Every structure is written in structure tokens, then in C-alpha cells.
Amino acid sequence: MLLCIDVGNTETKLGAFDASGAMVGTWRVTTARRRTADEFGVLFAAFFSAANVPIGDVEDIVVSSVVPVVDRPLGEGCQKYFGVMPSFFTAANQRSIVVRTDRPTEVGSDLVAGAIGAVAFVGAPSIVINYGTATTFGAIGADGAYLGVAIATGLQVSLDALVGRTAKLPQVALVAPGSPIGRDTVSAIQAGLVYGAVGQTEELVRRMRTILGDGARVIASGGMAPVVAAETSAIELVEPHLVLHGLRFDHLRA
């Protein structure tokens, strides 16, 4: 069994794959920068136990991390509780995609893993969007190379900034309110953020297609992907575990 771990700035996602490639368990936990090795190990072991997935079946662990401070305790926790020292996936050591940027080794591991997953799911050229702490739009050329990315503020970060810098605006659920014209404070915030994200998505996809070609496919991932995708035809496919699948595909090439 292969365990893939995606350590993001806000959340850490885990996916366990059996020998056939089927995902037999997925879990999500807040990324805590002061978590110890034992806390990681006990937490992950509890996930496996609750899902009736034998922890002893884990033979390999692959990690994509954009939070370096957690790498050491995470690795130690995996080794102590799974008996496996994880390998850390990076743009520099991956085997699956050519990164054609000015500084290829500096591209975030999550962006590269997501691009690998995108090519596997929809082919190339393609645009891979992740609605996470940041909203990212990765461009994959017709030859399958990763060409670069546009990075924008994530929806939750935008909402937090708006609420934090105003005296009366409240936190709201990030859902489409049904109309771009808000009739109260909550729906007004929802309209601006959600439909604003839709407009951003459509415009960046349009502009990227002028470079990649009109046939560039669009795949999205991240917590807000289903919300935005429901409001636009620009997104063709939502795959919630795109980075985890990308890590698995690269591991198969080892």
C-alpha cells in the first residue's frame, strides 16, 4: 500500500492507495506547525484504525510539503508508527514532467504534483486550477511540459482579510447566493467573492488558452473548486484529490 501526503499551508491531506491503484482511504487535518512526531503518528494511526485500513500494509510513503518546518517531525512520525521513512517529492527530484520555468527547482511541489495529475486525467495542453490558501492556475503545454502559473489570493484568505479590516462585515459561508446583486450583507459578500472568483477563473482560462490553444482542458481541485465549478462552464472536471493522485503517478515511475 502507498500512502501519499500533501502538506499544504492550511490543511494536510492523506490518501492511501492499494496495489491496484484504488484509493482506499482519504483524510484531512489542519496543518499544525508545532505538531510533534508522536502527534503525527498517533493521529495518522487513528485515521487508519477508524477506516479499518491495516497500518501494517503501508509499504511506501510519499510526501509533498510546502511547509518545511513540519517535514522533520512528520518524517519521524511516519518512521516510528508506520515503520517507513517517507520520500519527499520535489520539483527537482520528480520524474514525470518537464518543468519549463525560469527556476524549475523552485516550483512548489504541490503545483508540480497537481500538474502530473492533470496530465493523467485530462491530457495536454491543460490548465490546472487549485482553490486553496492561494488560487493557482498552472499551465501545461501541448508537449506535456509545465510552463508556469498564475497565483491569486484564495477565497478564504480574501474573506478573512475583508472581515479583519472592516468593523461590521461578518464571516459568511462561501457559497453562491444565486444573484450577483446582494440584498443583504451576507449575500453581498458572497456575491462579490464567489462570482468574482468565477470571473477571475473565466478570464485567466481565456487568456491562457490564447497561448496554450483553444483545446486546452481545464481541471480543478481544492476545497472551493465545486463551488466555483458549479457557476461556470470553464471548468470541465473537478478532482478533489489531484495532488495525491499526482504523487502516486510519479511514484509508479520510480
C-alpha atoms as a PDB file:
ATOM      1  CA  MET A   1       0.000   0.000   0.000  1.00  0.00           C
ATOM      2  CA  LEU A   2       1.144   3.519  -0.806  1.00  0.00           C
ATOM      3  CA  LEU A   3       0.375   6.462   1.482  1.00  0.00           C
ATOM      4  CA  CYS A   4       0.526   9.894  -0.158  1.00  0.00           C
ATOM      5  CA  ILE A   5       0.587  13.020   2.000  1.00  0.00           C
ATOM      6  CA  ASP A   6       0.015  16.574   0.760  1.00  0.00           C
ATOM      7  CA  VAL A   7       1.095  19.133   3.371  1.00  0.00           C
ATOM      8  CA  GLY A   8      -0.465  22.480   2.496  1.00  0.00           C
ATOM      9  CA  ASN A   9      -0.348  25.804   4.286  1.00  0.00           C
ATOM     10  CA  THR A  10      -3.833  25.332   5.735  1.00  0.00           C
ATOM     11  CA  GLU A  11      -4.584  21.615   5.568  1.00  0.00           C
ATOM     12  CA  THR A  12      -2.756  18.312   5.259  1.00  0.00           C
ATOM     13  CA  LYS A  13      -4.397  15.671   3.060  1.00  0.00           C
ATOM     14  CA  LEU A  14      -3.668  11.954   3.118  1.00  0.00           C
ATOM     15  CA  GLY A  15      -4.608   9.261   0.619  1.00  0.00           C
ATOM     16  CA  ALA A  16      -3.950   5.519   0.860  1.00  0.00           C
ATOM     17  CA  PHE A  17      -3.756   3.536  -2.404  1.00  0.00           C
ATOM     18  CA  ASP A  18      -3.848  -0.243  -2.689  1.00  0.00           C
ATOM     19  CA  ALA A  19      -1.809  -2.272  -5.162  1.00  0.00           C
ATOM     20  CA  SER A  20      -4.434  -1.797  -7.893  1.00  0.00           C
ATOM     21  CA  GLY A  21      -4.243   1.988  -7.580  1.00  0.00           C
ATOM     22  CA  ALA A  22      -7.619   2.310  -5.896  1.00  0.00           C
ATOM     23  CA  MET A  23      -7.852   4.934  -3.166  1.00  0.00           C
ATOM     24  CA  VAL A  24      -8.925   3.030  -0.053  1.00  0.00           C
ATOM     25  CA  GLY A  25      -8.895   5.938   2.387  1.00  0.00           C
ATOM     26  CA  THR A  26      -8.607   9.721   2.439  1.00  0.00           C
ATOM     27  CA  TRP A  27      -8.230  12.023   5.403  1.00  0.00           C
ATOM     28  CA  ARG A  28      -7.826  15.737   6.023  1.00  0.00           C
ATOM     29  CA  VAL A  29      -6.333  17.513   9.046  1.00  0.00           C
ATOM     30  CA  THR A  30      -5.317  21.070   9.881  1.00  0.00           C
ATOM     31  CA  THR A  31      -1.631  21.760   9.198  1.00  0.00           C
ATOM     32  CA  ALA A  32      -0.187  22.453  12.646  1.00  0.00           C
ATOM     33  CA  ARG A  33       3.359  23.778  12.546  1.00  0.00           C
ATOM     34  CA  ARG A  34       4.185  22.706  16.119  1.00  0.00           C
ATOM     35  CA  ARG A  35       2.883  19.134  15.918  1.00  0.00           C
ATOM     36  CA  THR A  36       5.364  16.541  17.210  1.00  0.00           C
ATOM     37  CA  ALA A  37       6.405  13.277  15.613  1.00  0.00           C
ATOM     38  CA  ASP A  38       4.271  11.319  18.098  1.00  0.00           C
ATOM     39  CA  GLU A  39       1.268  13.525  17.418  1.00  0.00           C
ATOM     40  CA  PHE A  40       1.601  12.910  13.691  1.00  0.00           C
ATOM     41  CA  GLY A  41       1.995   9.177  14.216  1.00  0.00           C
ATOM     42  CA  VAL A  42      -0.880   8.743  16.660  1.00  0.00           C
ATOM     43  CA  LEU A  43      -3.187  10.887  14.538  1.00  0.00           C
ATOM     44  CA  PHE A  44      -2.448   9.011  11.328  1.00  0.00           C
ATOM     45  CA  ALA A  45      -2.700   5.640  13.061  1.00  0.00           C
ATOM     46  CA  ALA A  46      -6.119   6.636  14.410  1.00  0.00           C
ATOM     47  CA  PHE A  47      -7.283   7.522  10.893  1.00  0.00           C
ATOM     48  CA  PHE A  48      -6.273   4.085   9.618  1.00  0.00           C
ATOM     49  CA  SER A  49      -7.875   2.320  12.565  1.00  0.00           C
ATOM     50  CA  ALA A  50     -11.189   4.162  12.175  1.00  0.00           C
ATOM     51  CA  ALA A  51     -11.277   3.293   8.459  1.00  0.00           C
ATOM     52  CA  ASN A  52     -10.317  -0.361   9.119  1.00  0.00           C
ATOM     53  CA  VAL A  53      -7.256   0.033   6.924  1.00  0.00           C
ATOM     54  CA  PRO A  54      -4.333  -2.032   8.298  1.00  0.00           C
ATOM     55  CA  ILE A  55      -1.464   0.287   9.151  1.00  0.00           C
ATOM     56  CA  GLY A  56       0.988  -2.538   8.599  1.00  0.00           C
ATOM     57  CA  ASP A  57       0.067  -2.706   4.913  1.00  0.00           C
ATOM     58  CA  VAL A  58       1.776   0.627   4.223  1.00  0.00           C
ATOM     59  CA  GLU A  59       4.967  -0.116   2.309  1.00  0.00           C
ATOM     60  CA  ASP A  60       5.818   3.305   0.890  1.00  0.00           C
ATOM     61  CA  ILE A  61       5.051   6.912   1.840  1.00  0.00           C
ATOM     62  CA  VAL A  62       5.432   9.923  -0.450  1.00  0.00           C
ATOM     63  CA  VAL A  63       5.117  13.481   0.864  1.00  0.00           C
ATOM     64  CA  SER A  64       4.613  16.793  -0.899  1.00  0.00           C
ATOM     65  CA  SER A  65       5.178  19.609   1.562  1.00  0.00           C
ATOM     66  CA  VAL A  66       5.125  23.393   1.222  1.00  0.00           C
ATOM     67  CA  VAL A  67       5.626  23.824   4.991  1.00  0.00           C
ATOM     68  CA  PRO A  68       9.272  22.866   5.644  1.00  0.00           C
ATOM     69  CA  VAL A  69       9.018  23.192   9.431  1.00  0.00           C
ATOM     70  CA  VAL A  70       6.788  20.097   9.645  1.00  0.00           C
ATOM     71  CA  ASP A  71       8.954  17.887   7.435  1.00  0.00           C
ATOM     72  CA  ARG A  72      11.236  16.508  10.160  1.00  0.00           C
ATOM     73  CA  PRO A  73       8.565  15.589  12.760  1.00  0.00           C
ATOM     74  CA  LEU A  74       6.308  14.242  10.011  1.00  0.00           C
ATOM     75  CA  GLY A  75       9.085  12.020   8.696  1.00  0.00           C
ATOM     76  CA  GLU A  76       9.971  10.810  12.190  1.00  0.00           C
ATOM     77  CA  GLY A  77       6.329  10.083  12.979  1.00  0.00           C
ATOM     78  CA  CYS A  78       5.901   8.048   9.804  1.00  0.00           C
ATOM     79  CA  GLN A  79       9.034   6.044  10.517  1.00  0.00           C
ATOM     80  CA  LYS A  80       8.085   5.361  14.138  1.00  0.00           C
ATOM     81  CA  TYR A  81       4.417   4.420  13.613  1.00  0.00           C
ATOM     82  CA  PHE A  82       4.406   3.002  10.067  1.00  0.00           C
ATOM     83  CA  GLY A  83       7.949   1.660  10.013  1.00  0.00           C
ATOM     84  CA  VAL A  84       8.514   3.561   6.773  1.00  0.00           C
ATOM     85  CA  MET A  85      10.730   6.573   6.136  1.00  0.00           C
ATOM     86  CA  PRO A  86       8.865   8.762   3.636  1.00  0.00           C
ATOM     87  CA  SER A  87      10.366  10.148   0.466  1.00  0.00           C
ATOM     88  CA  PHE A  88       9.780  13.853  -0.091  1.00  0.00           C
ATOM     89  CA  PHE A  89       8.570  14.764  -3.570  1.00  0.00           C
ATOM     90  CA  THR A  90      10.015  17.980  -5.040  1.00  0.00           C
ATOM     91  CA  ALA A  91      10.185  19.665  -8.413  1.00  0.00           C
ATOM     92  CA  ALA A  92      13.872  18.756  -8.516  1.00  0.00           C
ATOM     93  CA  ASN A  93      13.571  15.012  -7.840  1.00  0.00           C
ATOM     94  CA  GLN A  94      10.333  14.140  -9.648  1.00  0.00           C
ATOM     95  CA  ARG A  95      10.474  12.039 -12.829  1.00  0.00           C
ATOM     96  CA  SER A  96       7.180  12.707 -14.530  1.00  0.00           C
ATOM     97  CA  ILE A  97       7.021  16.162 -16.082  1.00  0.00           C
ATOM     98  CA  VAL A  98       9.394  18.698 -17.602  1.00  0.00           C
ATOM     99  CA  VAL A  99       9.243  21.988 -15.700  1.00  0.00           C
ATOM    100  CA  ARG A 100       9.966  24.767 -18.189  1.00  0.00           C
ATOM    101  CA  THR A 101      10.101  27.819 -15.922  1.00  0.00           C
ATOM    102  CA  ASP A 102      12.955  30.220 -15.217  1.00  0.00           C
ATOM    103  CA  ARG A 103      13.766  28.427 -11.937  1.00  0.00           C
ATOM    104  CA  PRO A 104      12.394  24.891 -12.313  1.00  0.00           C
ATOM    105  CA  THR A 105      13.613  23.512  -8.989  1.00  0.00           C
ATOM    106  CA  GLU A 106      11.862  26.291  -7.066  1.00  0.00           C
ATOM    107  CA  VAL A 107       8.338  25.448  -8.255  1.00  0.00           C
ATOM    108  CA  GLY A 108       6.126  24.270  -5.391  1.00  0.00           C
ATOM    109  CA  SER A 109       5.864  20.516  -5.044  1.00  0.00           C
ATOM    110  CA  ASP A 110       2.070  20.747  -4.834  1.00  0.00           C
ATOM    111  CA  LEU A 111       1.930  22.623  -8.159  1.00  0.00           C
ATOM    112  CA  VAL A 112       4.089  20.011  -9.883  1.00  0.00           C
ATOM    113  CA  ALA A 113       2.185  17.061  -8.395  1.00  0.00           C
ATOM    114  CA  GLY A 114      -1.098  18.659  -9.420  1.00  0.00           C
ATOM    115  CA  ALA A 115       0.235  19.122 -12.952  1.00  0.00           C
ATOM    116  CA  ILE A 116       1.227  15.451 -13.125  1.00  0.00           C
ATOM    117  CA  GLY A 117      -2.273  14.509 -12.004  1.00  0.00           C
ATOM    118  CA  ALA A 118      -3.831  16.878 -14.532  1.00  0.00           C
ATOM    119  CA  VAL A 119      -1.957  15.351 -17.460  1.00  0.00           C
ATOM    120  CA  ALA A 120      -3.022  11.881 -16.318  1.00  0.00           C
ATOM    121  CA  PHE A 121      -6.692  12.885 -16.057  1.00  0.00           C
ATOM    122  CA  VAL A 122      -7.225  15.265 -18.991  1.00  0.00           C
ATOM    123  CA  GLY A 123      -4.020  15.240 -21.042  1.00  0.00           C
ATOM    124  CA  ALA A 124      -2.187  18.216 -22.529  1.00  0.00           C
ATOM    125  CA  PRO A 125      -2.405  21.091 -23.161  1.00  0.00           C
ATOM    126  CA  SER A 126      -4.312  21.805 -19.993  1.00  0.00           C
ATOM    127  CA  ILE A 127      -4.896  24.265 -17.206  1.00  0.00           C
ATOM    128  CA  VAL A 128      -4.914  23.022 -13.622  1.00  0.00           C
ATOM    129  CA  ILE A 129      -6.613  25.233 -11.042  1.00  0.00           C
ATOM    130  CA  ASN A 130      -6.309  24.771  -7.306  1.00  0.00           C
ATOM    131  CA  TYR A 131      -8.620  26.684  -4.982  1.00  0.00           C
ATOM    132  CA  GLY A 132      -6.663  26.525  -1.747  1.00  0.00           C
ATOM    133  CA  THR A 133      -4.970  29.039   0.534  1.00  0.00           C
ATOM    134  CA  ALA A 134      -3.935  30.606  -2.755  1.00  0.00           C
ATOM    135  CA  THR A 135      -5.781  30.142  -6.028  1.00  0.00           C
ATOM    136  CA  THR A 136      -3.327  28.876  -8.616  1.00  0.00           C
ATOM    137  CA  PHE A 137      -3.677  28.469 -12.382  1.00  0.00           C
ATOM    138  CA  GLY A 138      -1.000  26.152 -13.759  1.00  0.00           C
ATOM    139  CA  ALA A 139      -0.307  25.987 -17.490  1.00  0.00           C
ATOM    140  CA  ILE A 140       0.686  22.722 -19.199  1.00  0.00           C
ATOM    141  CA  GLY A 141       1.833  22.920 -22.806  1.00  0.00           C
ATOM    142  CA  ALA A 142       0.877  20.670 -25.701  1.00  0.00           C
ATOM    143  CA  ASP A 143       4.072  18.658 -25.194  1.00  0.00           C
ATOM    144  CA  GLY A 144       3.119  17.987 -21.551  1.00  0.00           C
ATOM    145  CA  ALA A 145       5.635  20.411 -20.020  1.00  0.00           C
ATOM    146  CA  TYR A 146       4.753  22.609 -17.059  1.00  0.00           C
ATOM    147  CA  LEU A 147       5.127  26.185 -18.320  1.00  0.00           C
ATOM    148  CA  GLY A 148       4.276  28.306 -15.295  1.00  0.00           C
ATOM    149  CA  VAL A 149       1.489  29.507 -13.052  1.00  0.00           C
ATOM    150  CA  ALA A 150      -0.655  32.486 -12.108  1.00  0.00           C
ATOM    151  CA  ILE A 151      -1.171  32.897  -8.365  1.00  0.00           C
ATOM    152  CA  ALA A 152      -4.056  34.812  -6.791  1.00  0.00           C
ATOM    153  CA  THR A 153      -5.389  35.180  -3.271  1.00  0.00           C
ATOM    154  CA  GLY A 154      -7.528  32.274  -2.117  1.00  0.00           C
ATOM    155  CA  LEU A 155     -11.221  32.789  -1.402  1.00  0.00           C
ATOM    156  CA  GLN A 156     -10.989  32.116   2.337  1.00  0.00           C
ATOM    157  CA  VAL A 157      -7.945  34.378   2.642  1.00  0.00           C
ATOM    158  CA  SER A 158      -9.852  37.123   0.821  1.00  0.00           C
ATOM    159  CA  LEU A 159     -12.796  36.729   3.156  1.00  0.00           C
ATOM    160  CA  ASP A 160     -10.559  36.740   6.244  1.00  0.00           C
ATOM    161  CA  ALA A 161      -8.827  39.912   5.047  1.00  0.00           C
ATOM    162  CA  LEU A 162     -12.151  41.606   4.327  1.00  0.00           C
ATOM    163  CA  VAL A 163     -13.593  40.758   7.727  1.00  0.00           C
ATOM    164  CA  GLY A 164     -10.358  41.581   9.524  1.00  0.00           C
ATOM    165  CA  ARG A 165     -10.117  45.061   8.024  1.00  0.00           C
ATOM    166  CA  THR A 166     -13.735  46.139   8.462  1.00  0.00           C
ATOM    167  CA  ALA A 167     -15.702  46.857  11.597  1.00  0.00           C
ATOM    168  CA  LYS A 168     -19.059  45.321  10.751  1.00  0.00           C
ATOM    169  CA  LEU A 169     -18.655  42.747   7.975  1.00  0.00           C
ATOM    170  CA  PRO A 170     -19.140  39.178   9.247  1.00  0.00           C
ATOM    171  CA  GLN A 171     -17.685  35.822   8.320  1.00  0.00           C
ATOM    172  CA  VAL A 172     -20.024  34.100   5.864  1.00  0.00           C
ATOM    173  CA  ALA A 173     -20.326  30.725   4.187  1.00  0.00           C
ATOM    174  CA  LEU A 174     -18.544  30.778   0.846  1.00  0.00           C
ATOM    175  CA  VAL A 175     -21.432  29.683  -1.354  1.00  0.00           C
ATOM    176  CA  ALA A 176     -23.036  31.237  -4.416  1.00  0.00           C
ATOM    177  CA  PRO A 177     -26.008  33.374  -3.275  1.00  0.00           C
ATOM    178  CA  GLY A 178     -27.978  32.944  -6.505  1.00  0.00           C
ATOM    179  CA  SER A 179     -27.710  36.547  -7.673  1.00  0.00           C
ATOM    180  CA  PRO A 180     -24.767  38.877  -8.322  1.00  0.00           C
ATOM    181  CA  ILE A 181     -26.726  41.638  -6.581  1.00  0.00           C
ATOM    182  CA  GLY A 182     -26.693  41.097  -2.831  1.00  0.00           C
ATOM    183  CA  ARG A 183     -29.812  42.105  -0.953  1.00  0.00           C
ATOM    184  CA  ASP A 184     -28.202  41.931   2.483  1.00  0.00           C
ATOM    185  CA  THR A 185     -24.686  41.944   3.909  1.00  0.00           C
ATOM    186  CA  VAL A 186     -24.194  38.184   3.760  1.00  0.00           C
ATOM    187  CA  SER A 187     -25.354  37.734   0.172  1.00  0.00           C
ATOM    188  CA  ALA A 188     -23.444  40.860  -0.886  1.00  0.00           C
ATOM    189  CA  ILE A 189     -20.156  39.387   0.397  1.00  0.00           C
ATOM    190  CA  GLN A 190     -20.942  36.008  -1.128  1.00  0.00           C
ATOM    191  CA  ALA A 191     -21.752  37.584  -4.496  1.00  0.00           C
ATOM    192  CA  GLY A 192     -18.549  39.597  -4.592  1.00  0.00           C
ATOM    193  CA  LEU A 193     -16.252  36.752  -3.574  1.00  0.00           C
ATOM    194  CA  VAL A 194     -17.807  33.764  -5.340  1.00  0.00           C
ATOM    195  CA  TYR A 195     -18.835  35.437  -8.592  1.00  0.00           C
ATOM    196  CA  GLY A 196     -15.608  37.410  -8.515  1.00  0.00           C
ATOM    197  CA  ALA A 197     -13.740  34.078  -8.394  1.00  0.00           C
ATOM    198  CA  VAL A 198     -15.854  32.845 -11.308  1.00  0.00           C
ATOM    199  CA  GLY A 199     -14.938  35.911 -13.364  1.00  0.00           C
ATOM    200  CA  GLN A 200     -11.276  35.541 -12.442  1.00  0.00           C
ATOM    201  CA  THR A 201     -11.366  31.898 -13.470  1.00  0.00           C
ATOM    202  CA  GLU A 202     -13.035  32.547 -16.809  1.00  0.00           C
ATOM    203  CA  GLU A 203     -10.688  35.397 -17.719  1.00  0.00           C
ATOM    204  CA  LEU A 204      -7.479  33.590 -16.794  1.00  0.00           C
ATOM    205  CA  VAL A 205      -8.618  30.470 -18.632  1.00  0.00           C
ATOM    206  CA  ARG A 206      -9.435  32.607 -21.678  1.00  0.00           C
ATOM    207  CA  ARG A 207      -6.045  34.323 -21.614  1.00  0.00           C
ATOM    208  CA  MET A 208      -4.115  31.093 -21.046  1.00  0.00           C
ATOM    209  CA  ARG A 209      -5.937  29.440 -23.954  1.00  0.00           C
ATOM    210  CA  THR A 210      -4.693  32.194 -26.270  1.00  0.00           C
ATOM    211  CA  ILE A 211      -1.211  30.801 -25.528  1.00  0.00           C
ATOM    212  CA  LEU A 212      -1.904  27.101 -24.977  1.00  0.00           C
ATOM    213  CA  GLY A 213      -4.591  26.727 -27.622  1.00  0.00           C
ATOM    214  CA  ASP A 214      -8.373  26.734 -27.520  1.00  0.00           C
ATOM    215  CA  GLY A 215      -8.396  22.996 -26.883  1.00  0.00           C
ATOM    216  CA  ALA A 216      -6.627  23.266 -23.519  1.00  0.00           C
ATOM    217  CA  ARG A 217      -8.600  21.230 -20.990  1.00  0.00           C
ATOM    218  CA  VAL A 218      -9.376  22.638 -17.538  1.00  0.00           C
ATOM    219  CA  ILE A 219      -9.313  20.607 -14.324  1.00  0.00           C
ATOM    220  CA  ALA A 220      -9.790  21.991 -10.815  1.00  0.00           C
ATOM    221  CA  SER A 221      -9.068  20.867  -7.282  1.00  0.00           C
ATOM    222  CA  GLY A 222      -9.190  22.323  -3.776  1.00  0.00           C
ATOM    223  CA  GLY A 223     -11.922  22.989  -1.272  1.00  0.00           C
ATOM    224  CA  MET A 224     -13.692  25.723  -3.226  1.00  0.00           C
ATOM    225  CA  ALA A 225     -13.464  24.000  -6.627  1.00  0.00           C
ATOM    226  CA  PRO A 226     -17.003  22.532  -6.540  1.00  0.00           C
ATOM    227  CA  VAL A 227     -18.489  25.928  -5.612  1.00  0.00           C
ATOM    228  CA  VAL A 228     -16.796  27.774  -8.475  1.00  0.00           C
ATOM    229  CA  ALA A 229     -17.227  24.938 -10.976  1.00  0.00           C
ATOM    230  CA  ALA A 230     -20.980  24.920 -10.396  1.00  0.00           C
ATOM    231  CA  GLU A 231     -21.132  28.526 -11.642  1.00  0.00           C
ATOM    232  CA  THR A 232     -19.030  28.295 -14.803  1.00  0.00           C
ATOM    233  CA  SER A 233     -18.565  26.040 -17.810  1.00  0.00           C
ATOM    234  CA  ALA A 234     -14.878  26.979 -17.945  1.00  0.00           C
ATOM    235  CA  ILE A 235     -14.043  24.131 -15.530  1.00  0.00           C
ATOM    236  CA  GLU A 236     -14.515  20.749 -17.184  1.00  0.00           C
ATOM    237  CA  LEU A 237     -13.570  18.407 -14.344  1.00  0.00           C
ATOM    238  CA  VAL A 238     -13.208  18.640 -10.572  1.00  0.00           C
ATOM    239  CA  GLU A 239     -10.848  16.138  -8.951  1.00  0.00           C
ATOM    240  CA  PRO A 240     -10.646  16.723  -5.188  1.00  0.00           C
ATOM    241  CA  HIS A 241      -7.510  14.595  -4.686  1.00  0.00           C
ATOM    242  CA  LEU A 242      -5.486  15.740  -7.677  1.00  0.00           C
ATOM    243  CA  VAL A 243      -2.187  16.269  -5.835  1.00  0.00           C
ATOM    244  CA  LEU A 244      -2.433  12.874  -4.117  1.00  0.00           C
ATOM    245  CA  HIS A 245      -3.035  11.180  -7.455  1.00  0.00           C
ATOM    246  CA  GLY A 246      -0.107  13.090  -8.950  1.00  0.00           C
ATOM    247  CA  LEU A 247       2.159  11.822  -6.177  1.00  0.00           C
ATOM    248  CA  ARG A 248       1.037   8.270  -6.869  1.00  0.00           C
ATOM    249  CA  PHE A 249       1.593   8.582 -10.623  1.00  0.00           C
ATOM    250  CA  ASP A 250       5.130   9.873 -10.058  1.00  0.00           C
ATOM    251  CA  HIS A 251       5.826   7.100  -7.531  1.00  0.00           C
ATOM    252  CA  LEU A 252       4.901   4.498 -10.163  1.00  0.00           C
ATOM    253  CA  ARG A 253       7.764   5.802 -12.303  1.00  0.00           C
ATOM    254  CA  ALA A 254      10.348   5.253  -9.557  1.00  0.00           C
END
